[in-house]
Amino acid sequence: MADGPTVVNSGGNGGTAIAIVLGLIAIVVLLVFTGVININGGGGKDINVKVEAPKVDAPAAPAKPAAPAPAPANGG
């Protein structure tokens, strides 16, 4: 008789398949919930969204360039 417990491999790929199916279902539910997939057909409402951003004026003169960096203390 062999030493140690007997291990039976029941095929570990079932969990991967279930995870993939559940992931796909979750993606479809998310797309339906967000409105990307319209389950009511083509009779949906048109929603107009207006975004108003504040006007930003450009500066009148270009900025001065930065001063050059000081030379290293060790001369190198």
PDB file of N, CA and C in Angstrom:
ATOM      1  N   MET A   1       0.846  -1.169   0.000  1.00  0.00           N
ATOM      2  CA  MET A   1       0.000   0.000   0.000  1.00  0.00           C
ATOM      3  C   MET A   1       0.894   1.235   0.000  1.00  0.00           C
ATOM      4  N   ALA A   2       0.495   2.237  -0.781  1.00  0.00           N
ATOM      5  CA  ALA A   2       1.300   3.451  -0.913  1.00  0.00           C
ATOM      6  C   ALA A   2       1.181   4.313   0.328  1.00  0.00           C
ATOM      7  N   ASP A   3       2.255   5.002   0.607  1.00  0.00           N
ATOM      8  CA  ASP A   3       2.243   5.909   1.754  1.00  0.00           C
ATOM      9  C   ASP A   3       1.499   7.203   1.394  1.00  0.00           C
ATOM     10  N   GLY A   4       0.802   7.805   2.330  1.00  0.00           N
ATOM     11  CA  GLY A   4       0.144   9.091   2.138  1.00  0.00           C
ATOM     12  C   GLY A   4      -1.258   8.944   1.589  1.00  0.00           C
ATOM     13  N   PRO A   5      -1.976  10.052   1.538  1.00  0.00           N
ATOM     14  CA  PRO A   5      -3.364  10.015   1.070  1.00  0.00           C
ATOM     15  C   PRO A   5      -3.442   9.861  -0.443  1.00  0.00           C
ATOM     16  N   THR A   6      -4.542   9.343  -0.905  1.00  0.00           N
ATOM     17  CA  THR A   6      -4.794   9.214  -2.338  1.00  0.00           C
ATOM     18  C   THR A   6      -5.513  10.475  -2.812  1.00  0.00           C
ATOM     19  N   VAL A   7      -4.956  11.114  -3.826  1.00  0.00           N
ATOM     20  CA  VAL A   7      -5.520  12.358  -4.353  1.00  0.00           C
ATOM     21  C   VAL A   7      -6.208  12.045  -5.665  1.00  0.00           C
ATOM     22  N   VAL A   8      -7.463  12.472  -5.767  1.00  0.00           N
ATOM     23  CA  VAL A   8      -8.222  12.262  -6.994  1.00  0.00           C
ATOM     24  C   VAL A   8      -8.363  13.599  -7.688  1.00  0.00           C
ATOM     25  N   ASN A   9      -7.884  13.674  -8.932  1.00  0.00           N
ATOM     26  CA  ASN A   9      -7.997  14.915  -9.694  1.00  0.00           C
ATOM     27  C   ASN A   9      -9.351  14.926 -10.372  1.00  0.00           C
ATOM     28  N   SER A  10     -10.185  15.885  -9.979  1.00  0.00           N
ATOM     29  CA  SER A  10     -11.527  15.951 -10.549  1.00  0.00           C
ATOM     30  C   SER A  10     -11.602  16.908 -11.731  1.00  0.00           C
ATOM     31  N   GLY A  11     -10.473  17.349 -12.241  1.00  0.00           N
ATOM     32  CA  GLY A  11     -10.492  18.267 -13.385  1.00  0.00           C
ATOM     33  C   GLY A  11     -10.731  19.684 -12.925  1.00  0.00           C
ATOM     34  N   GLY A  12      -9.712  20.475 -12.812  1.00  0.00           N
ATOM     35  CA  GLY A  12      -9.834  21.801 -12.238  1.00  0.00           C
ATOM     36  C   GLY A  12     -10.231  22.893 -13.204  1.00  0.00           C
ATOM     37  N   ASN A  13     -10.638  22.568 -14.434  1.00  0.00           N
ATOM     38  CA  ASN A  13     -10.970  23.606 -15.404  1.00  0.00           C
ATOM     39  C   ASN A  13     -12.414  24.072 -15.284  1.00  0.00           C
ATOM     40  N   GLY A  14     -13.231  23.436 -14.482  1.00  0.00           N
ATOM     41  CA  GLY A  14     -14.621  23.849 -14.347  1.00  0.00           C
ATOM     42  C   GLY A  14     -14.754  25.220 -13.720  1.00  0.00           C
ATOM     43  N   GLY A  15     -13.913  25.535 -12.759  1.00  0.00           N
ATOM     44  CA  GLY A  15     -13.975  26.837 -12.121  1.00  0.00           C
ATOM     45  C   GLY A  15     -13.631  27.964 -13.069  1.00  0.00           C
ATOM     46  N   THR A  16     -12.683  27.720 -13.968  1.00  0.00           N
ATOM     47  CA  THR A  16     -12.312  28.743 -14.950  1.00  0.00           C
ATOM     48  C   THR A  16     -13.466  29.025 -15.895  1.00  0.00           C
ATOM     49  N   ALA A  17     -14.143  27.997 -16.358  1.00  0.00           N
ATOM     50  CA  ALA A  17     -15.269  28.181 -17.271  1.00  0.00           C
ATOM     51  C   ALA A  17     -16.400  28.937 -16.590  1.00  0.00           C
ATOM     52  N   ILE A  18     -16.656  28.623 -15.346  1.00  0.00           N
ATOM     53  CA  ILE A  18     -17.720  29.325 -14.615  1.00  0.00           C
ATOM     54  C   ILE A  18     -17.345  30.791 -14.419  1.00  0.00           C
ATOM     55  N   ALA A  19     -16.099  31.059 -14.122  1.00  0.00           N
ATOM     56  CA  ALA A  19     -15.656  32.442 -13.936  1.00  0.00           C
ATOM     57  C   ALA A  19     -15.792  33.247 -15.220  1.00  0.00           C
ATOM     58  N   ILE A  20     -15.464  32.638 -16.353  1.00  0.00           N
ATOM     59  CA  ILE A  20     -15.584  33.331 -17.638  1.00  0.00           C
ATOM     60  C   ILE A  20     -17.046  33.633 -17.950  1.00  0.00           C
ATOM     61  N   VAL A  21     -17.932  32.666 -17.727  1.00  0.00           N
ATOM     62  CA  VAL A  21     -19.362  32.871 -18.004  1.00  0.00           C
ATOM     63  C   VAL A  21     -19.923  33.952 -17.095  1.00  0.00           C
ATOM     64  N   LEU A  22     -19.579  33.917 -15.813  1.00  0.00           N
ATOM     65  CA  LEU A  22     -20.077  34.946 -14.895  1.00  0.00           C
ATOM     66  C   LEU A  22     -19.528  36.323 -15.256  1.00  0.00           C
ATOM     67  N   GLY A  23     -18.296  36.380 -15.714  1.00  0.00           N
ATOM     68  CA  GLY A  23     -17.723  37.653 -16.141  1.00  0.00           C
ATOM     69  C   GLY A  23     -18.446  38.227 -17.344  1.00  0.00           C
ATOM     70  N   LEU A  24     -18.754  37.379 -18.314  1.00  0.00           N
ATOM     71  CA  LEU A  24     -19.492  37.847 -19.491  1.00  0.00           C
ATOM     72  C   LEU A  24     -20.890  38.319 -19.120  1.00  0.00           C
ATOM     73  N   ILE A  25     -21.554  37.599 -18.233  1.00  0.00           N
ATOM     74  CA  ILE A  25     -22.891  38.021 -17.794  1.00  0.00           C
ATOM     75  C   ILE A  25     -22.804  39.369 -17.086  1.00  0.00           C
ATOM     76  N   ALA A  26     -21.799  39.558 -16.262  1.00  0.00           N
ATOM     77  CA  ALA A  26     -21.640  40.833 -15.550  1.00  0.00           C
ATOM     78  C   ALA A  26     -21.401  41.984 -16.520  1.00  0.00           C
ATOM     79  N   ILE A  27     -20.623  41.755 -17.577  1.00  0.00           N
ATOM     80  CA  ILE A  27     -20.361  42.804 -18.569  1.00  0.00           C
ATOM     81  C   ILE A  27     -21.636  43.168 -19.305  1.00  0.00           C
ATOM     82  N   VAL A  28     -22.433  42.168 -19.705  1.00  0.00           N
ATOM     83  CA  VAL A  28     -23.684  42.436 -20.413  1.00  0.00           C
ATOM     84  C   VAL A  28     -24.655  43.202 -19.521  1.00  0.00           C
ATOM     85  N   VAL A  29     -24.759  42.802 -18.253  1.00  0.00           N
ATOM     86  CA  VAL A  29     -25.648  43.512 -17.328  1.00  0.00           C
ATOM     87  C   VAL A  29     -25.189  44.954 -17.163  1.00  0.00           C
ATOM     88  N   LEU A  30     -23.891  45.189 -17.078  1.00  0.00           N
ATOM     89  CA  LEU A  30     -23.371  46.543 -16.945  1.00  0.00           C
ATOM     90  C   LEU A  30     -23.698  47.381 -18.180  1.00  0.00           C
ATOM     91  N   LEU A  31     -23.557  46.792 -19.357  1.00  0.00           N
ATOM     92  CA  LEU A  31     -23.851  47.531 -20.585  1.00  0.00           C
ATOM     93  C   LEU A  31     -25.336  47.851 -20.702  1.00  0.00           C
ATOM     94  N   VAL A  32     -26.199  46.947 -20.270  1.00  0.00           N
ATOM     95  CA  VAL A  32     -27.638  47.219 -20.288  1.00  0.00           C
ATOM     96  C   VAL A  32     -27.970  48.304 -19.274  1.00  0.00           C
ATOM     97  N   PHE A  33     -27.374  48.228 -18.104  1.00  0.00           N
ATOM     98  CA  PHE A  33     -27.658  49.196 -17.042  1.00  0.00           C
ATOM     99  C   PHE A  33     -27.202  50.597 -17.432  1.00  0.00           C
ATOM    100  N   THR A  34     -26.059  50.714 -18.100  1.00  0.00           N
ATOM    101  CA  THR A  34     -25.542  52.027 -18.485  1.00  0.00           C
ATOM    102  C   THR A  34     -26.181  52.560 -19.760  1.00  0.00           C
ATOM    103  N   GLY A  35     -26.968  51.755 -20.450  1.00  0.00           N
ATOM    104  CA  GLY A  35     -27.659  52.225 -21.643  1.00  0.00           C
ATOM    105  C   GLY A  35     -26.901  52.000 -22.925  1.00  0.00           C
ATOM    106  N   VAL A  36     -25.748  51.360 -22.872  1.00  0.00           N
ATOM    107  CA  VAL A  36     -25.015  51.066 -24.101  1.00  0.00           C
ATOM    108  C   VAL A  36     -25.810  50.077 -24.945  1.00  0.00           C
ATOM    109  N   ILE A  37     -26.414  49.095 -24.291  1.00  0.00           N
ATOM    110  CA  ILE A  37     -27.301  48.149 -24.964  1.00  0.00           C
ATOM    111  C   ILE A  37     -28.724  48.552 -24.604  1.00  0.00           C
ATOM    112  N   ASN A  38     -29.528  48.892 -25.619  1.00  0.00           N
ATOM    113  CA  ASN A  38     -30.899  49.340 -25.392  1.00  0.00           C
ATOM    114  C   ASN A  38     -31.836  48.165 -25.651  1.00  0.00           C
ATOM    115  N   ILE A  39     -32.450  47.647 -24.592  1.00  0.00           N
ATOM    116  CA  ILE A  39     -33.327  46.486 -24.755  1.00  0.00           C
ATOM    117  C   ILE A  39     -34.739  46.890 -25.147  1.00  0.00           C
ATOM    118  N   ASN A  40     -35.034  48.214 -25.204  1.00  0.00           N
ATOM    119  CA  ASN A  40     -36.370  48.668 -25.592  1.00  0.00           C
ATOM    120  C   ASN A  40     -36.484  48.904 -27.083  1.00  0.00           C
ATOM    121  N   GLY A  41     -35.469  48.653 -27.835  1.00  0.00           N
ATOM    122  CA  GLY A  41     -35.519  48.893 -29.269  1.00  0.00           C
ATOM    123  C   GLY A  41     -35.070  50.298 -29.597  1.00  0.00           C
ATOM    124  N   GLY A  42     -35.478  50.788 -30.766  1.00  0.00           N
ATOM    125  CA  GLY A  42     -35.029  52.094 -31.238  1.00  0.00           C
ATOM    126  C   GLY A  42     -35.863  53.254 -30.743  1.00  0.00           C
ATOM    127  N   GLY A  43     -36.852  53.036 -29.903  1.00  0.00           N
ATOM    128  CA  GLY A  43     -37.732  54.116 -29.477  1.00  0.00           C
ATOM    129  C   GLY A  43     -37.249  54.853 -28.252  1.00  0.00           C
ATOM    130  N   GLY A  44     -35.952  54.929 -28.052  1.00  0.00           N
ATOM    131  CA  GLY A  44     -35.427  55.600 -26.867  1.00  0.00           C
ATOM    132  C   GLY A  44     -35.487  57.111 -26.999  1.00  0.00           C
ATOM    133  N   LYS A  45     -35.282  57.796 -25.905  1.00  0.00           N
ATOM    134  CA  LYS A  45     -35.303  59.249 -25.895  1.00  0.00           C
ATOM    135  C   LYS A  45     -33.938  59.786 -26.299  1.00  0.00           C
ATOM    136  N   ASP A  46     -33.955  60.948 -26.966  1.00  0.00           N
ATOM    137  CA  ASP A  46     -32.717  61.652 -27.251  1.00  0.00           C
ATOM    138  C   ASP A  46     -32.433  62.587 -26.094  1.00  0.00           C
ATOM    139  N   ILE A  47     -31.254  62.517 -25.567  1.00  0.00           N
ATOM    140  CA  ILE A  47     -30.873  63.353 -24.440  1.00  0.00           C
ATOM    141  C   ILE A  47     -29.797  64.314 -24.919  1.00  0.00           C
ATOM    142  N   ASN A  48     -30.091  65.596 -24.820  1.00  0.00           N
ATOM    143  CA  ASN A  48     -29.114  66.616 -25.200  1.00  0.00           C
ATOM    144  C   ASN A  48     -28.379  67.067 -23.955  1.00  0.00           C
ATOM    145  N   VAL A  49     -27.076  66.970 -24.002  1.00  0.00           N
ATOM    146  CA  VAL A  49     -26.252  67.360 -22.877  1.00  0.00           C
ATOM    147  C   VAL A  49     -25.444  68.578 -23.290  1.00  0.00           C
ATOM    148  N   LYS A  50     -25.567  69.654 -22.505  1.00  0.00           N
ATOM    149  CA  LYS A  50     -24.830  70.879 -22.800  1.00  0.00           C
ATOM    150  C   LYS A  50     -23.823  71.108 -21.677  1.00  0.00           C
ATOM    151  N   VAL A  51     -22.575  71.213 -22.058  1.00  0.00           N
ATOM    152  CA  VAL A  51     -21.517  71.436 -21.091  1.00  0.00           C
ATOM    153  C   VAL A  51     -20.940  72.812 -21.346  1.00  0.00           C
ATOM    154  N   GLU A  52     -20.997  73.650 -20.338  1.00  0.00           N
ATOM    155  CA  GLU A  52     -20.452  75.000 -20.477  1.00  0.00           C
ATOM    156  C   GLU A  52     -19.148  75.075 -19.699  1.00  0.00           C
ATOM    157  N   ALA A  53     -18.077  75.393 -20.426  1.00  0.00           N
ATOM    158  CA  ALA A  53     -16.774  75.537 -19.803  1.00  0.00           C
ATOM    159  C   ALA A  53     -16.433  77.023 -19.708  1.00  0.00           C
ATOM    160  N   PRO A  54     -15.753  77.428 -18.664  1.00  0.00           N
ATOM    161  CA  PRO A  54     -15.383  78.843 -18.572  1.00  0.00           C
ATOM    162  C   PRO A  54     -14.387  79.224 -19.659  1.00  0.00           C
ATOM    163  N   LYS A  55     -14.506  80.467 -20.130  1.00  0.00           N
ATOM    164  CA  LYS A  55     -13.605  80.937 -21.171  1.00  0.00           C
ATOM    165  C   LYS A  55     -12.257  81.275 -20.543  1.00  0.00           C
ATOM    166  N   VAL A  56     -11.191  80.805 -21.159  1.00  0.00           N
ATOM    167  CA  VAL A  56      -9.845  81.058 -20.664  1.00  0.00           C
ATOM    168  C   VAL A  56      -9.105  81.846 -21.727  1.00  0.00           C
ATOM    169  N   ASP A  57      -8.634  83.042 -21.342  1.00  0.00           N
ATOM    170  CA  ASP A  57      -7.884  83.882 -22.275  1.00  0.00           C
ATOM    171  C   ASP A  57      -6.410  83.492 -22.249  1.00  0.00           C
ATOM    172  N   ALA A  58      -5.799  83.571 -23.409  1.00  0.00           N
ATOM    173  CA  ALA A  58      -4.375  83.281 -23.497  1.00  0.00           C
ATOM    174  C   ALA A  58      -3.590  84.428 -22.881  1.00  0.00           C
ATOM    175  N   PRO A  59      -2.410  84.169 -22.334  1.00  0.00           N
ATOM    176  CA  PRO A  59      -1.617  85.273 -21.769  1.00  0.00           C
ATOM    177  C   PRO A  59      -1.195  86.251 -22.864  1.00  0.00           C
ATOM    178  N   ALA A  60      -1.083  87.536 -22.488  1.00  0.00           N
ATOM    179  CA  ALA A  60      -0.757  88.572 -23.466  1.00  0.00           C
ATOM    180  C   ALA A  60       0.676  88.441 -23.963  1.00  0.00           C
ATOM    181  N   ALA A  61       1.612  88.093 -23.101  1.00  0.00           N
ATOM    182  CA  ALA A  61       3.016  87.987 -23.494  1.00  0.00           C
ATOM    183  C   ALA A  61       3.531  86.614 -23.102  1.00  0.00           C
ATOM    184  N   PRO A  62       4.463  86.088 -23.879  1.00  0.00           N
ATOM    185  CA  PRO A  62       5.017  84.775 -23.501  1.00  0.00           C
ATOM    186  C   PRO A  62       5.800  84.875 -22.200  1.00  0.00           C
ATOM    187  N   ALA A  63       5.847  83.799 -21.471  1.00  0.00           N
ATOM    188  CA  ALA A  63       6.555  83.773 -20.192  1.00  0.00           C
ATOM    189  C   ALA A  63       8.056  83.827 -20.426  1.00  0.00           C
ATOM    190  N   LYS A  64       8.774  84.428 -19.452  1.00  0.00           N
ATOM    191  CA  LYS A  64      10.237  84.491 -19.545  1.00  0.00           C
ATOM    192  C   LYS A  64      10.815  83.097 -19.351  1.00  0.00           C
ATOM    193  N   PRO A  65      11.898  82.803 -20.039  1.00  0.00           N
ATOM    194  CA  PRO A  65      12.537  81.495 -19.805  1.00  0.00           C
ATOM    195  C   PRO A  65      13.161  81.451 -18.417  1.00  0.00           C
ATOM    196  N   ALA A  66      13.277  80.264 -17.887  1.00  0.00           N
ATOM    197  CA  ALA A  66      13.842  80.088 -16.550  1.00  0.00           C
ATOM    198  C   ALA A  66      15.329  80.396 -16.565  1.00  0.00           C
ATOM    199  N   ALA A  67      15.837  80.833 -15.427  1.00  0.00           N
ATOM    200  CA  ALA A  67      17.264  81.121 -15.301  1.00  0.00           C
ATOM    201  C   ALA A  67      18.049  79.817 -15.416  1.00  0.00           C
ATOM    202  N   PRO A  68      19.263  79.903 -15.965  1.00  0.00           N
ATOM    203  CA  PRO A  68      20.053  78.680 -16.077  1.00  0.00           C
ATOM    204  C   PRO A  68      20.438  78.130 -14.712  1.00  0.00           C
ATOM    205  N   ALA A  69      20.618  76.840 -14.659  1.00  0.00           N
ATOM    206  CA  ALA A  69      20.978  76.184 -13.404  1.00  0.00           C
ATOM    207  C   ALA A  69      22.395  76.573 -13.001  1.00  0.00           C
ATOM    208  N   PRO A  70      22.667  76.685 -11.721  1.00  0.00           N
ATOM    209  CA  PRO A  70      24.036  77.013 -11.302  1.00  0.00           C
ATOM    210  C   PRO A  70      24.999  75.874 -11.622  1.00  0.00           C
ATOM    211  N   ALA A  71      26.260  76.226 -11.775  1.00  0.00           N
ATOM    212  CA  ALA A  71      27.278  75.225 -12.087  1.00  0.00           C
ATOM    213  C   ALA A  71      27.477  74.313 -10.884  1.00  0.00           C
ATOM    214  N   PRO A  72      27.859  73.066 -11.113  1.00  0.00           N
ATOM    215  CA  PRO A  72      28.093  72.155  -9.987  1.00  0.00           C
ATOM    216  C   PRO A  72      29.252  72.655  -9.106  1.00  0.00           C
ATOM    217  N   ALA A  73      29.180  72.350  -7.839  1.00  0.00           N
ATOM    218  CA  ALA A  73      30.197  72.828  -6.891  1.00  0.00           C
ATOM    219  C   ALA A  73      31.539  72.167  -7.124  1.00  0.00           C
ATOM    220  N   ASN A  74      31.575  70.967  -7.693  1.00  0.00           N
ATOM    221  CA  ASN A  74      32.847  70.268  -7.861  1.00  0.00           C
ATOM    222  C   ASN A  74      33.497  70.584  -9.212  1.00  0.00           C
ATOM    223  N   GLY A  75      32.887  71.480  -9.990  1.00  0.00           N
ATOM    224  CA  GLY A  75      33.483  71.881 -11.257  1.00  0.00           C
ATOM    225  C   GLY A  75      33.289  70.880 -12.369  1.00  0.00           C
ATOM    226  N   GLY A  76      32.559  69.844 -12.162  1.00  0.00           N
ATOM    227  CA  GLY A  76      32.448  68.825 -13.170  1.00  0.00           C
ATOM    228  C   GLY A  76      31.161  68.819 -13.820  1.00  0.00           C
TER     229      GLY A  76
END
